[in-house]
Amino acid sequence: MATVLVFVTTADGAPDKVALQALALGSQLASGGAVHALVLGDDAVAAALGGWGATSVHVAKHAALDAPAPDAAARIVSDLAGTLGADIVIGPGTEEGNTVLARAAARAGLPFAANCVAVTAGSPVLVTRSRWGGSLLEEAAINADRAVLTVAAHVFEAVATGGSVAVAAFTPQLDDADLAVRVVGRVPAPAGGVSLSDAKVVVSGGRGAGSADGFAPIVDLASLLGAAVGCSRAVTIAGWRPHTEQVGQTGTKIAPDLYIAAGISGATQHLAGCKGAKRILAINKDPEAPIMTSADYAVIGDLADVIPAISAEIRRTRGA
């Protein structure tokens, strides 16, 4: 048995999906031992975590936590792990999760393994983690008294277990140095549309769209399918679409039922972001494009011709 601490991040008043996946892994690794969940200030989220495998939940409450502060969060994680005598500390492999746990490991002088796709408890803890945008899998042993790691998104299935859990609130010890870096403002994403991370269908365009105006057929098809619009990194660099729509290692990692990639060659970092898709339809003029090796279905052709034809056929079958 192992004592596991899981750092649970939140989004829109609910547990982050990847954090719930981390909690599922924590339950597996504990093997009947304690699974502690840590939440920063959100009582509603804390109370729900008993239904996802936590055996106890700790809520850190401090006025300074009203705005995200990664060093403060890292100190809370590190201090609680020490108090609990945690053997393994797990977080979600998201921007927030990796940022906080990397700092927590550094505070404790421990190694840190990010984006793990497989973990085996023991002494040492063995991990397999995704490297180089998903093009390489690294097997490693964490030789430390405490393993600190994050889980790659959409690898471990979050499992609803039902039941309630004891929730204990505490006030963490923080000082000015912990609050030197804080989020003081955010630029909201454009309102409306389907969330890229939650969409069942995503229609993405790449450099092959040719211009910002070239995305019109892609947006039209997405609207017909009730899908989210995505794009490649090259498109956001060109300024054709916002970064919030970028699919990839440096954008959003997705796991839709269907991913339609039009005019996207399939760079390593892009494939790392869409490999969670159940089915991939690639549309590209180049039959040798890297994305073709990952596609379940492929259409060789110009997206400017293929996408409107698909939309027209959908309208015809719907009688529109």
C-alpha atoms as a PDB file:
ATOM      1  CA  MET A   1       0.000   0.000   0.000  1.00  0.00           C
ATOM      2  CA  ALA A   2       1.079   3.559  -0.714  1.00  0.00           C
ATOM      3  CA  THR A   3       0.027   6.971   0.523  1.00  0.00           C
ATOM      4  CA  VAL A   4      -0.843   9.153  -2.456  1.00  0.00           C
ATOM      5  CA  LEU A   5      -1.496  12.890  -2.653  1.00  0.00           C
ATOM      6  CA  VAL A   6      -3.293  14.201  -5.751  1.00  0.00           C
ATOM      7  CA  PHE A   7      -3.297  17.909  -6.596  1.00  0.00           C
ATOM      8  CA  VAL A   8      -6.770  18.587  -8.034  1.00  0.00           C
ATOM      9  CA  THR A   9      -7.110  21.659 -10.214  1.00  0.00           C
ATOM     10  CA  THR A  10     -10.486  23.161 -11.096  1.00  0.00           C
ATOM     11  CA  ALA A  11     -12.170  24.734 -14.087  1.00  0.00           C
ATOM     12  CA  ASP A  12     -15.443  26.657 -14.018  1.00  0.00           C
ATOM     13  CA  GLY A  13     -16.348  25.403 -10.543  1.00  0.00           C
ATOM     14  CA  ALA A  14     -15.715  21.727 -11.290  1.00  0.00           C
ATOM     15  CA  PRO A  15     -12.724  19.393 -11.073  1.00  0.00           C
ATOM     16  CA  ASP A  16     -10.524  19.585 -14.153  1.00  0.00           C
ATOM     17  CA  LYS A  17     -10.961  16.447 -16.277  1.00  0.00           C
ATOM     18  CA  VAL A  18      -7.247  15.657 -16.335  1.00  0.00           C
ATOM     19  CA  ALA A  19      -7.131  16.103 -12.548  1.00  0.00           C
ATOM     20  CA  LEU A  20      -9.842  13.434 -12.236  1.00  0.00           C
ATOM     21  CA  GLN A  21      -7.724  11.195 -14.446  1.00  0.00           C
ATOM     22  CA  ALA A  22      -4.815  11.816 -12.065  1.00  0.00           C
ATOM     23  CA  LEU A  23      -7.078  10.854  -9.169  1.00  0.00           C
ATOM     24  CA  ALA A  24      -7.962   7.584 -10.909  1.00  0.00           C
ATOM     25  CA  LEU A  25      -4.268   6.779 -11.268  1.00  0.00           C
ATOM     26  CA  GLY A  26      -3.743   7.686  -7.627  1.00  0.00           C
ATOM     27  CA  SER A  27      -6.389   5.164  -6.584  1.00  0.00           C
ATOM     28  CA  GLN A  28      -4.649   2.448  -8.608  1.00  0.00           C
ATOM     29  CA  LEU A  29      -1.223   3.198  -7.166  1.00  0.00           C
ATOM     30  CA  ALA A  30      -2.459   3.379  -3.565  1.00  0.00           C
ATOM     31  CA  SER A  31      -3.553  -0.286  -3.735  1.00  0.00           C
ATOM     32  CA  GLY A  32      -5.850   0.123  -0.767  1.00  0.00           C
ATOM     33  CA  GLY A  33      -3.789   2.841   0.889  1.00  0.00           C
ATOM     34  CA  ALA A  34      -4.874   6.434   1.493  1.00  0.00           C
ATOM     35  CA  VAL A  35      -5.681   8.657  -1.475  1.00  0.00           C
ATOM     36  CA  HIS A  36      -5.546  12.286  -0.366  1.00  0.00           C
ATOM     37  CA  ALA A  37      -6.829  15.040  -2.658  1.00  0.00           C
ATOM     38  CA  LEU A  38      -5.742  18.668  -2.339  1.00  0.00           C
ATOM     39  CA  VAL A  39      -7.963  21.503  -3.563  1.00  0.00           C
ATOM     40  CA  LEU A  40      -7.183  25.190  -3.333  1.00  0.00           C
ATOM     41  CA  GLY A  41     -10.128  26.984  -1.754  1.00  0.00           C
ATOM     42  CA  ASP A  42     -13.074  25.319  -3.504  1.00  0.00           C
ATOM     43  CA  ASP A  43     -15.400  23.570  -1.022  1.00  0.00           C
ATOM     44  CA  ALA A  44     -17.936  22.536  -3.668  1.00  0.00           C
ATOM     45  CA  VAL A  45     -15.303  20.727  -5.712  1.00  0.00           C
ATOM     46  CA  ALA A  46     -13.795  19.149  -2.591  1.00  0.00           C
ATOM     47  CA  ALA A  47     -17.084  17.599  -1.506  1.00  0.00           C
ATOM     48  CA  ALA A  48     -17.522  15.890  -4.878  1.00  0.00           C
ATOM     49  CA  LEU A  49     -14.134  14.145  -4.942  1.00  0.00           C
ATOM     50  CA  GLY A  50     -15.239  11.208  -2.806  1.00  0.00           C
ATOM     51  CA  GLY A  51     -17.157  10.087  -5.861  1.00  0.00           C
ATOM     52  CA  TRP A  52     -13.915   9.922  -7.836  1.00  0.00           C
ATOM     53  CA  GLY A  53     -11.721   7.817  -5.560  1.00  0.00           C
ATOM     54  CA  ALA A  54     -10.404  10.197  -2.892  1.00  0.00           C
ATOM     55  CA  THR A  55     -10.424   8.785   0.644  1.00  0.00           C
ATOM     56  CA  SER A  56      -9.865  12.232   2.187  1.00  0.00           C
ATOM     57  CA  VAL A  57      -9.834  15.775   0.853  1.00  0.00           C
ATOM     58  CA  HIS A  58      -7.844  18.761   2.083  1.00  0.00           C
ATOM     59  CA  VAL A  59      -8.949  22.294   1.210  1.00  0.00           C
ATOM     60  CA  ALA A  60      -6.324  25.028   1.511  1.00  0.00           C
ATOM     61  CA  LYS A  61      -7.899  28.369   2.406  1.00  0.00           C
ATOM     62  CA  HIS A  62      -5.996  31.628   2.310  1.00  0.00           C
ATOM     63  CA  ALA A  63      -6.919  35.126   1.160  1.00  0.00           C
ATOM     64  CA  ALA A  64      -3.905  35.170  -1.153  1.00  0.00           C
ATOM     65  CA  LEU A  65      -5.281  32.213  -3.113  1.00  0.00           C
ATOM     66  CA  ASP A  66      -8.052  34.324  -4.637  1.00  0.00           C
ATOM     67  CA  ALA A  67      -5.626  34.855  -7.537  1.00  0.00           C
ATOM     68  CA  PRO A  68      -3.547  31.940  -8.848  1.00  0.00           C
ATOM     69  CA  ALA A  69      -0.004  31.957  -7.428  1.00  0.00           C
ATOM     70  CA  PRO A  70       2.085  28.986  -8.632  1.00  0.00           C
ATOM     71  CA  ASP A  71       4.803  29.248  -5.963  1.00  0.00           C
ATOM     72  CA  ALA A  72       2.206  29.451  -3.207  1.00  0.00           C
ATOM     73  CA  ALA A  73       0.416  26.403  -4.618  1.00  0.00           C
ATOM     74  CA  ALA A  74       3.739  24.566  -4.842  1.00  0.00           C
ATOM     75  CA  ARG A  75       4.534  25.282  -1.208  1.00  0.00           C
ATOM     76  CA  ILE A  76       1.104  24.017  -0.154  1.00  0.00           C
ATOM     77  CA  VAL A  77       1.570  20.797  -2.152  1.00  0.00           C
ATOM     78  CA  SER A  78       5.096  20.240  -0.811  1.00  0.00           C
ATOM     79  CA  ASP A  79       4.208  20.991   2.811  1.00  0.00           C
ATOM     80  CA  LEU A  80       1.086  18.795   2.780  1.00  0.00           C
ATOM     81  CA  ALA A  81       2.977  15.929   1.147  1.00  0.00           C
ATOM     82  CA  GLY A  82       5.509  16.121   3.961  1.00  0.00           C
ATOM     83  CA  THR A  83       2.839  16.243   6.654  1.00  0.00           C
ATOM     84  CA  LEU A  84       1.028  13.237   5.206  1.00  0.00           C
ATOM     85  CA  GLY A  85       4.194  11.275   4.529  1.00  0.00           C
ATOM     86  CA  ALA A  86       3.069  10.835   0.927  1.00  0.00           C
ATOM     87  CA  ASP A  87       4.936   8.231  -1.114  1.00  0.00           C
ATOM     88  CA  ILE A  88       3.637   9.595  -4.424  1.00  0.00           C
ATOM     89  CA  VAL A  89       2.413  13.059  -5.411  1.00  0.00           C
ATOM     90  CA  ILE A  90       0.393  13.294  -8.633  1.00  0.00           C
ATOM     91  CA  GLY A  91      -0.988  16.207 -10.613  1.00  0.00           C
ATOM     92  CA  PRO A  92      -2.651  16.746 -13.991  1.00  0.00           C
ATOM     93  CA  GLY A  93      -0.335  17.112 -16.976  1.00  0.00           C
ATOM     94  CA  THR A  94      -1.796  20.495 -17.820  1.00  0.00           C
ATOM     95  CA  GLU A  95      -0.082  23.862 -17.884  1.00  0.00           C
ATOM     96  CA  GLU A  96      -1.160  24.540 -14.297  1.00  0.00           C
ATOM     97  CA  GLY A  97      -0.436  21.044 -13.022  1.00  0.00           C
ATOM     98  CA  ASN A  98       3.049  20.861 -14.538  1.00  0.00           C
ATOM     99  CA  THR A  99       3.887  24.376 -13.365  1.00  0.00           C
ATOM    100  CA  VAL A 100       2.906  23.739  -9.743  1.00  0.00           C
ATOM    101  CA  LEU A 101       4.318  20.233  -9.348  1.00  0.00           C
ATOM    102  CA  ALA A 102       7.628  21.147 -10.969  1.00  0.00           C
ATOM    103  CA  ARG A 103       7.983  23.906  -8.371  1.00  0.00           C
ATOM    104  CA  ALA A 104       6.855  21.596  -5.553  1.00  0.00           C
ATOM    105  CA  ALA A 105       9.497  19.027  -6.518  1.00  0.00           C
ATOM    106  CA  ALA A 106      12.192  21.711  -6.710  1.00  0.00           C
ATOM    107  CA  ARG A 107      11.287  22.966  -3.228  1.00  0.00           C
ATOM    108  CA  ALA A 108      11.760  19.488  -1.799  1.00  0.00           C
ATOM    109  CA  GLY A 109      14.897  18.746  -3.822  1.00  0.00           C
ATOM    110  CA  LEU A 110      13.139  15.901  -5.614  1.00  0.00           C
ATOM    111  CA  PRO A 111      13.121  14.792  -9.274  1.00  0.00           C
ATOM    112  CA  PHE A 112       9.986  15.470 -11.300  1.00  0.00           C
ATOM    113  CA  ALA A 113       8.462  13.304 -14.055  1.00  0.00           C
ATOM    114  CA  ALA A 114       6.003  15.127 -16.314  1.00  0.00           C
ATOM    115  CA  ASN A 115       3.353  13.755 -18.678  1.00  0.00           C
ATOM    116  CA  CYS A 116       3.464  10.117 -17.592  1.00  0.00           C
ATOM    117  CA  VAL A 117       1.491   7.575 -19.610  1.00  0.00           C
ATOM    118  CA  ALA A 118       2.211   4.601 -17.349  1.00  0.00           C
ATOM    119  CA  VAL A 119       3.219   4.370 -13.684  1.00  0.00           C
ATOM    120  CA  THR A 120       4.138   1.354 -11.530  1.00  0.00           C
ATOM    121  CA  ALA A 121       4.307   1.766  -7.764  1.00  0.00           C
ATOM    122  CA  GLY A 122       7.292   0.351  -5.926  1.00  0.00           C
ATOM    123  CA  SER A 123      10.773   1.285  -4.830  1.00  0.00           C
ATOM    124  CA  PRO A 124      11.668   2.950  -7.093  1.00  0.00           C
ATOM    125  CA  VAL A 125       8.489   4.102  -8.812  1.00  0.00           C
ATOM    126  CA  LEU A 126       8.713   3.272 -12.526  1.00  0.00           C
ATOM    127  CA  VAL A 127       7.247   5.602 -15.142  1.00  0.00           C
ATOM    128  CA  THR A 128       6.813   5.818 -18.874  1.00  0.00           C
ATOM    129  CA  ARG A 129       6.443   9.372 -20.049  1.00  0.00           C
ATOM    130  CA  SER A 130       5.796  11.197 -23.285  1.00  0.00           C
ATOM    131  CA  ARG A 131       8.726  13.250 -24.594  1.00  0.00           C
ATOM    132  CA  TRP A 132       9.458  15.414 -27.624  1.00  0.00           C
ATOM    133  CA  GLY A 133       5.836  16.199 -28.347  1.00  0.00           C
ATOM    134  CA  GLY A 134       4.768  12.570 -28.130  1.00  0.00           C
ATOM    135  CA  SER A 135       7.316  11.228 -30.628  1.00  0.00           C
ATOM    136  CA  LEU A 136       9.306   9.462 -27.908  1.00  0.00           C
ATOM    137  CA  LEU A 137       8.340   7.331 -24.910  1.00  0.00           C
ATOM    138  CA  GLU A 138      10.882   7.343 -22.109  1.00  0.00           C
ATOM    139  CA  GLU A 139      11.032   4.646 -19.437  1.00  0.00           C
ATOM    140  CA  ALA A 140      12.557   5.840 -16.184  1.00  0.00           C
ATOM    141  CA  ALA A 141      12.892   5.051 -12.495  1.00  0.00           C
ATOM    142  CA  ILE A 142      12.243   7.769  -9.921  1.00  0.00           C
ATOM    143  CA  ASN A 143      14.974   7.180  -7.361  1.00  0.00           C
ATOM    144  CA  ALA A 144      13.668   9.291  -4.499  1.00  0.00           C
ATOM    145  CA  ASP A 145      11.879   8.902  -1.195  1.00  0.00           C
ATOM    146  CA  ARG A 146       8.852  10.566  -2.771  1.00  0.00           C
ATOM    147  CA  ALA A 147       7.799  10.366  -6.432  1.00  0.00           C
ATOM    148  CA  VAL A 148       6.434  13.599  -7.911  1.00  0.00           C
ATOM    149  CA  LEU A 149       4.761  13.293 -11.303  1.00  0.00           C
ATOM    150  CA  THR A 150       1.987  14.468 -13.599  1.00  0.00           C
ATOM    151  CA  VAL A 151      -0.191  12.385 -15.897  1.00  0.00           C
ATOM    152  CA  ALA A 152      -0.557  12.979 -19.619  1.00  0.00           C
ATOM    153  CA  ALA A 153      -4.041  14.056 -20.640  1.00  0.00           C
ATOM    154  CA  HIS A 154      -6.546  11.460 -21.880  1.00  0.00           C
ATOM    155  CA  VAL A 155      -4.391   8.435 -20.977  1.00  0.00           C
ATOM    156  CA  PHE A 156      -5.954   7.298 -17.695  1.00  0.00           C
ATOM    157  CA  GLU A 157      -9.734   6.991 -17.529  1.00  0.00           C
ATOM    158  CA  ALA A 158     -11.453   8.906 -14.749  1.00  0.00           C
ATOM    159  CA  VAL A 159     -13.594   6.413 -12.846  1.00  0.00           C
ATOM    160  CA  ALA A 160     -16.662   7.484 -10.848  1.00  0.00           C
ATOM    161  CA  THR A 161     -16.754   5.399  -7.664  1.00  0.00           C
ATOM    162  CA  GLY A 162     -19.629   7.069  -5.812  1.00  0.00           C
ATOM    163  CA  GLY A 163     -19.699   7.760  -2.102  1.00  0.00           C
ATOM    164  CA  SER A 164     -18.827  10.644   0.171  1.00  0.00           C
ATOM    165  CA  VAL A 165     -15.556  11.774   1.699  1.00  0.00           C
ATOM    166  CA  ALA A 166     -14.307  13.647   4.749  1.00  0.00           C
ATOM    167  CA  VAL A 167     -13.240  17.202   3.901  1.00  0.00           C
ATOM    168  CA  ALA A 168     -10.783  19.078   6.116  1.00  0.00           C
ATOM    169  CA  ALA A 169      -9.998  22.766   5.616  1.00  0.00           C
ATOM    170  CA  PHE A 170      -6.675  24.245   6.695  1.00  0.00           C
ATOM    171  CA  THR A 171      -4.804  27.537   6.464  1.00  0.00           C
ATOM    172  CA  PRO A 172      -1.422  27.121   4.752  1.00  0.00           C
ATOM    173  CA  GLN A 173       1.715  28.963   5.830  1.00  0.00           C
ATOM    174  CA  LEU A 174       2.715  31.411   3.092  1.00  0.00           C
ATOM    175  CA  ASP A 175       5.098  34.332   2.937  1.00  0.00           C
ATOM    176  CA  ASP A 176       5.757  37.202   0.530  1.00  0.00           C
ATOM    177  CA  ALA A 177       8.185  35.174  -1.571  1.00  0.00           C
ATOM    178  CA  ASP A 178       5.450  32.630  -2.280  1.00  0.00           C
ATOM    179  CA  LEU A 179       3.261  35.408  -3.677  1.00  0.00           C
ATOM    180  CA  ALA A 180       5.860  37.177  -5.824  1.00  0.00           C
ATOM    181  CA  VAL A 181       4.318  35.653  -8.971  1.00  0.00           C
ATOM    182  CA  ARG A 182       0.552  35.943  -9.230  1.00  0.00           C
ATOM    183  CA  VAL A 183      -2.036  36.079 -11.997  1.00  0.00           C
ATOM    184  CA  VAL A 184      -3.492  39.578 -11.854  1.00  0.00           C
ATOM    185  CA  GLY A 185      -5.656  39.493 -14.979  1.00  0.00           C
ATOM    186  CA  ARG A 186      -6.891  37.325 -17.794  1.00  0.00           C
ATOM    187  CA  VAL A 187      -7.878  37.913 -21.400  1.00  0.00           C
ATOM    188  CA  PRO A 188     -11.106  35.947 -21.918  1.00  0.00           C
ATOM    189  CA  ALA A 189     -11.479  33.644 -24.877  1.00  0.00           C
ATOM    190  CA  PRO A 190     -14.062  34.662 -27.491  1.00  0.00           C
ATOM    191  CA  ALA A 191     -17.539  33.769 -26.256  1.00  0.00           C
ATOM    192  CA  GLY A 192     -19.758  31.254 -27.997  1.00  0.00           C
ATOM    193  CA  GLY A 193     -19.012  28.152 -30.035  1.00  0.00           C
ATOM    194  CA  VAL A 194     -18.069  24.680 -28.873  1.00  0.00           C
ATOM    195  CA  SER A 195     -15.221  24.185 -26.401  1.00  0.00           C
ATOM    196  CA  LEU A 196     -12.210  22.667 -28.134  1.00  0.00           C
ATOM    197  CA  SER A 197     -11.237  20.487 -25.166  1.00  0.00           C
ATOM    198  CA  ASP A 198     -14.762  19.048 -24.739  1.00  0.00           C
ATOM    199  CA  ALA A 199     -15.928  18.772 -28.348  1.00  0.00           C
ATOM    200  CA  LYS A 200     -17.011  15.410 -29.741  1.00  0.00           C
ATOM    201  CA  VAL A 201     -16.030  16.579 -33.231  1.00  0.00           C
ATOM    202  CA  VAL A 202     -13.233  18.990 -34.140  1.00  0.00           C
ATOM    203  CA  VAL A 203     -12.617  20.428 -37.608  1.00  0.00           C
ATOM    204  CA  SER A 204      -9.133  21.903 -37.955  1.00  0.00           C
ATOM    205  CA  GLY A 205      -7.340  23.774 -40.688  1.00  0.00           C
ATOM    206  CA  GLY A 206      -3.658  24.268 -41.326  1.00  0.00           C
ATOM    207  CA  ARG A 207      -1.386  26.213 -43.616  1.00  0.00           C
ATOM    208  CA  GLY A 208      -3.219  24.621 -46.533  1.00  0.00           C
ATOM    209  CA  ALA A 209      -6.155  26.984 -45.882  1.00  0.00           C
ATOM    210  CA  GLY A 210      -4.013  29.664 -47.481  1.00  0.00           C
ATOM    211  CA  SER A 211      -5.295  32.642 -45.504  1.00  0.00           C
ATOM    212  CA  ALA A 212      -7.679  33.743 -42.765  1.00  0.00           C
ATOM    213  CA  ASP A 213     -10.449  33.908 -45.376  1.00  0.00           C
ATOM    214  CA  GLY A 214      -9.579  30.345 -46.394  1.00  0.00           C
ATOM    215  CA  PHE A 215     -10.976  29.159 -43.048  1.00  0.00           C
ATOM    216  CA  ALA A 216     -14.555  30.038 -44.068  1.00  0.00           C
ATOM    217  CA  PRO A 217     -15.316  26.511 -45.423  1.00  0.00           C
ATOM    218  CA  ILE A 218     -13.811  24.952 -42.264  1.00  0.00           C
ATOM    219  CA  VAL A 219     -15.938  27.128 -39.991  1.00  0.00           C
ATOM    220  CA  ASP A 220     -19.012  26.333 -42.108  1.00  0.00           C
ATOM    221  CA  LEU A 221     -18.447  22.558 -41.840  1.00  0.00           C
ATOM    222  CA  ALA A 222     -17.860  22.833 -38.096  1.00  0.00           C
ATOM    223  CA  SER A 223     -21.155  24.686 -37.749  1.00  0.00           C
ATOM    224  CA  LEU A 224     -23.004  21.971 -39.690  1.00  0.00           C
ATOM    225  CA  LEU A 225     -21.509  19.249 -37.471  1.00  0.00           C
ATOM    226  CA  GLY A 226     -21.903  21.121 -34.190  1.00  0.00           C
ATOM    227  CA  ALA A 227     -18.132  20.869 -33.942  1.00  0.00           C
ATOM    228  CA  ALA A 228     -15.326  22.998 -32.554  1.00  0.00           C
ATOM    229  CA  VAL A 229     -12.942  24.802 -34.890  1.00  0.00           C
ATOM    230  CA  GLY A 230      -9.252  24.021 -34.458  1.00  0.00           C
ATOM    231  CA  CYS A 231      -6.040  24.941 -36.204  1.00  0.00           C
ATOM    232  CA  SER A 232      -2.325  24.223 -36.364  1.00  0.00           C
ATOM    233  CA  ARG A 233       0.482  26.234 -34.801  1.00  0.00           C
ATOM    234  CA  ALA A 234       1.463  27.675 -38.196  1.00  0.00           C
ATOM    235  CA  VAL A 235      -1.997  29.194 -38.484  1.00  0.00           C
ATOM    236  CA  THR A 236      -1.834  30.945 -35.116  1.00  0.00           C
ATOM    237  CA  ILE A 237       1.665  32.248 -35.897  1.00  0.00           C
ATOM    238  CA  ALA A 238       0.313  33.681 -39.153  1.00  0.00           C
ATOM    239  CA  GLY A 239      -2.462  35.374 -37.175  1.00  0.00           C
ATOM    240  CA  TRP A 240      -5.268  33.685 -39.119  1.00  0.00           C
ATOM    241  CA  ARG A 241      -6.913  32.163 -36.035  1.00  0.00           C
ATOM    242  CA  PRO A 242      -6.560  32.727 -32.251  1.00  0.00           C
ATOM    243  CA  HIS A 243      -4.214  30.644 -30.094  1.00  0.00           C
ATOM    244  CA  THR A 244      -7.237  29.335 -28.166  1.00  0.00           C
ATOM    245  CA  GLU A 245      -8.042  27.209 -31.231  1.00  0.00           C
ATOM    246  CA  GLN A 246      -4.576  25.693 -31.584  1.00  0.00           C
ATOM    247  CA  VAL A 247      -4.410  21.912 -31.332  1.00  0.00           C
ATOM    248  CA  GLY A 248      -1.042  20.545 -30.288  1.00  0.00           C
ATOM    249  CA  GLN A 249       1.638  20.177 -27.666  1.00  0.00           C
ATOM    250  CA  THR A 250       1.768  23.955 -27.172  1.00  0.00           C
ATOM    251  CA  GLY A 251      -1.970  24.381 -27.677  1.00  0.00           C
ATOM    252  CA  THR A 252      -4.911  22.227 -26.565  1.00  0.00           C
ATOM    253  CA  LYS A 253      -4.765  18.447 -26.341  1.00  0.00           C
ATOM    254  CA  ILE A 254      -8.034  16.992 -27.565  1.00  0.00           C
ATOM    255  CA  ALA A 255      -9.834  13.639 -27.483  1.00  0.00           C
ATOM    256  CA  PRO A 256     -12.904  13.922 -29.759  1.00  0.00           C
ATOM    257  CA  ASP A 257     -14.784  11.080 -31.355  1.00  0.00           C
ATOM    258  CA  LEU A 258     -13.788  12.501 -34.753  1.00  0.00           C
ATOM    259  CA  TYR A 259     -10.955  14.832 -35.708  1.00  0.00           C
ATOM    260  CA  ILE A 260     -11.001  16.319 -39.217  1.00  0.00           C
ATOM    261  CA  ALA A 261      -7.586  17.741 -40.115  1.00  0.00           C
ATOM    262  CA  ALA A 262      -7.679  19.753 -43.341  1.00  0.00           C
ATOM    263  CA  GLY A 263      -4.513  21.140 -44.901  1.00  0.00           C
ATOM    264  CA  ILE A 264      -2.418  20.105 -41.888  1.00  0.00           C
ATOM    265  CA  SER A 265       0.849  18.303 -42.618  1.00  0.00           C
ATOM    266  CA  GLY A 266       1.051  16.750 -39.161  1.00  0.00           C
ATOM    267  CA  ALA A 267       4.094  18.072 -37.324  1.00  0.00           C
ATOM    268  CA  THR A 268       5.093  16.102 -34.238  1.00  0.00           C
ATOM    269  CA  GLN A 269       3.709  18.657 -31.790  1.00  0.00           C
ATOM    270  CA  HIS A 270       0.359  18.724 -33.603  1.00  0.00           C
ATOM    271  CA  LEU A 271       0.045  14.943 -33.588  1.00  0.00           C
ATOM    272  CA  ALA A 272       0.794  14.964 -29.860  1.00  0.00           C
ATOM    273  CA  GLY A 273      -2.249  17.163 -29.375  1.00  0.00           C
ATOM    274  CA  CYS A 274      -4.724  15.091 -31.399  1.00  0.00           C
ATOM    275  CA  LYS A 275      -3.586  11.524 -30.742  1.00  0.00           C
ATOM    276  CA  GLY A 276      -6.400  11.133 -28.199  1.00  0.00           C
ATOM    277  CA  ALA A 277      -8.969  11.306 -31.033  1.00  0.00           C
ATOM    278  CA  LYS A 278     -10.894   8.079 -31.626  1.00  0.00           C
ATOM    279  CA  ARG A 279     -10.941   8.647 -35.402  1.00  0.00           C
ATOM    280  CA  ILE A 280      -8.900  10.999 -37.610  1.00  0.00           C
ATOM    281  CA  LEU A 281      -9.936  12.094 -41.100  1.00  0.00           C
ATOM    282  CA  ALA A 282      -7.060  13.799 -42.927  1.00  0.00           C
ATOM    283  CA  ILE A 283      -7.581  15.979 -45.992  1.00  0.00           C
ATOM    284  CA  ASN A 284      -4.363  16.966 -47.746  1.00  0.00           C
ATOM    285  CA  LYS A 285      -2.979  17.481 -51.242  1.00  0.00           C
ATOM    286  CA  ASP A 286       0.214  15.664 -50.241  1.00  0.00           C
ATOM    287  CA  PRO A 287      -0.268  11.881 -49.891  1.00  0.00           C
ATOM    288  CA  GLU A 288       3.105  11.732 -48.101  1.00  0.00           C
ATOM    289  CA  ALA A 289       2.138  14.214 -45.383  1.00  0.00           C
ATOM    290  CA  PRO A 290       3.055  12.829 -41.922  1.00  0.00           C
ATOM    291  CA  ILE A 291      -0.535  13.053 -40.694  1.00  0.00           C
ATOM    292  CA  MET A 292      -1.540  10.385 -43.212  1.00  0.00           C
ATOM    293  CA  THR A 293       0.276   7.750 -41.147  1.00  0.00           C
ATOM    294  CA  SER A 294      -1.938   8.576 -38.154  1.00  0.00           C
ATOM    295  CA  ALA A 295      -5.209   8.971 -40.061  1.00  0.00           C
ATOM    296  CA  ASP A 296      -7.995   6.380 -40.044  1.00  0.00           C
ATOM    297  CA  TYR A 297      -9.405   7.921 -43.224  1.00  0.00           C
ATOM    298  CA  ALA A 298      -7.639  10.058 -45.820  1.00  0.00           C
ATOM    299  CA  VAL A 299      -8.779  12.211 -48.709  1.00  0.00           C
ATOM    300  CA  ILE A 300      -6.104  13.357 -51.165  1.00  0.00           C
ATOM    301  CA  GLY A 301      -7.173  16.753 -52.408  1.00  0.00           C
ATOM    302  CA  ASP A 302      -7.354  20.484 -51.832  1.00  0.00           C
ATOM    303  CA  LEU A 303      -9.394  21.396 -48.758  1.00  0.00           C
ATOM    304  CA  ALA A 304     -10.872  24.301 -50.707  1.00  0.00           C
ATOM    305  CA  ASP A 305     -12.580  21.685 -52.909  1.00  0.00           C
ATOM    306  CA  VAL A 306     -13.117  18.813 -50.467  1.00  0.00           C
ATOM    307  CA  ILE A 307     -14.550  20.668 -47.456  1.00  0.00           C
ATOM    308  CA  PRO A 308     -17.292  22.516 -49.418  1.00  0.00           C
ATOM    309  CA  ALA A 309     -18.207  19.221 -51.113  1.00  0.00           C
ATOM    310  CA  ILE A 310     -18.648  17.537 -47.712  1.00  0.00           C
ATOM    311  CA  SER A 311     -20.776  20.454 -46.488  1.00  0.00           C
ATOM    312  CA  ALA A 312     -22.903  20.373 -49.632  1.00  0.00           C
ATOM    313  CA  GLU A 313     -23.530  16.638 -49.210  1.00  0.00           C
ATOM    314  CA  ILE A 314     -24.507  17.100 -45.562  1.00  0.00           C
ATOM    315  CA  ARG A 315     -27.000  19.798 -46.559  1.00  0.00           C
ATOM    316  CA  ARG A 316     -28.369  17.613 -49.348  1.00  0.00           C
ATOM    317  CA  THR A 317     -28.964  14.630 -47.062  1.00  0.00           C
ATOM    318  CA  ARG A 318     -30.615  16.872 -44.483  1.00  0.00           C
ATOM    319  CA  GLY A 319     -32.834  18.369 -47.144  1.00  0.00           C
ATOM    320  CA  ALA A 320     -31.502  21.840 -46.417  1.00  0.00           C
END
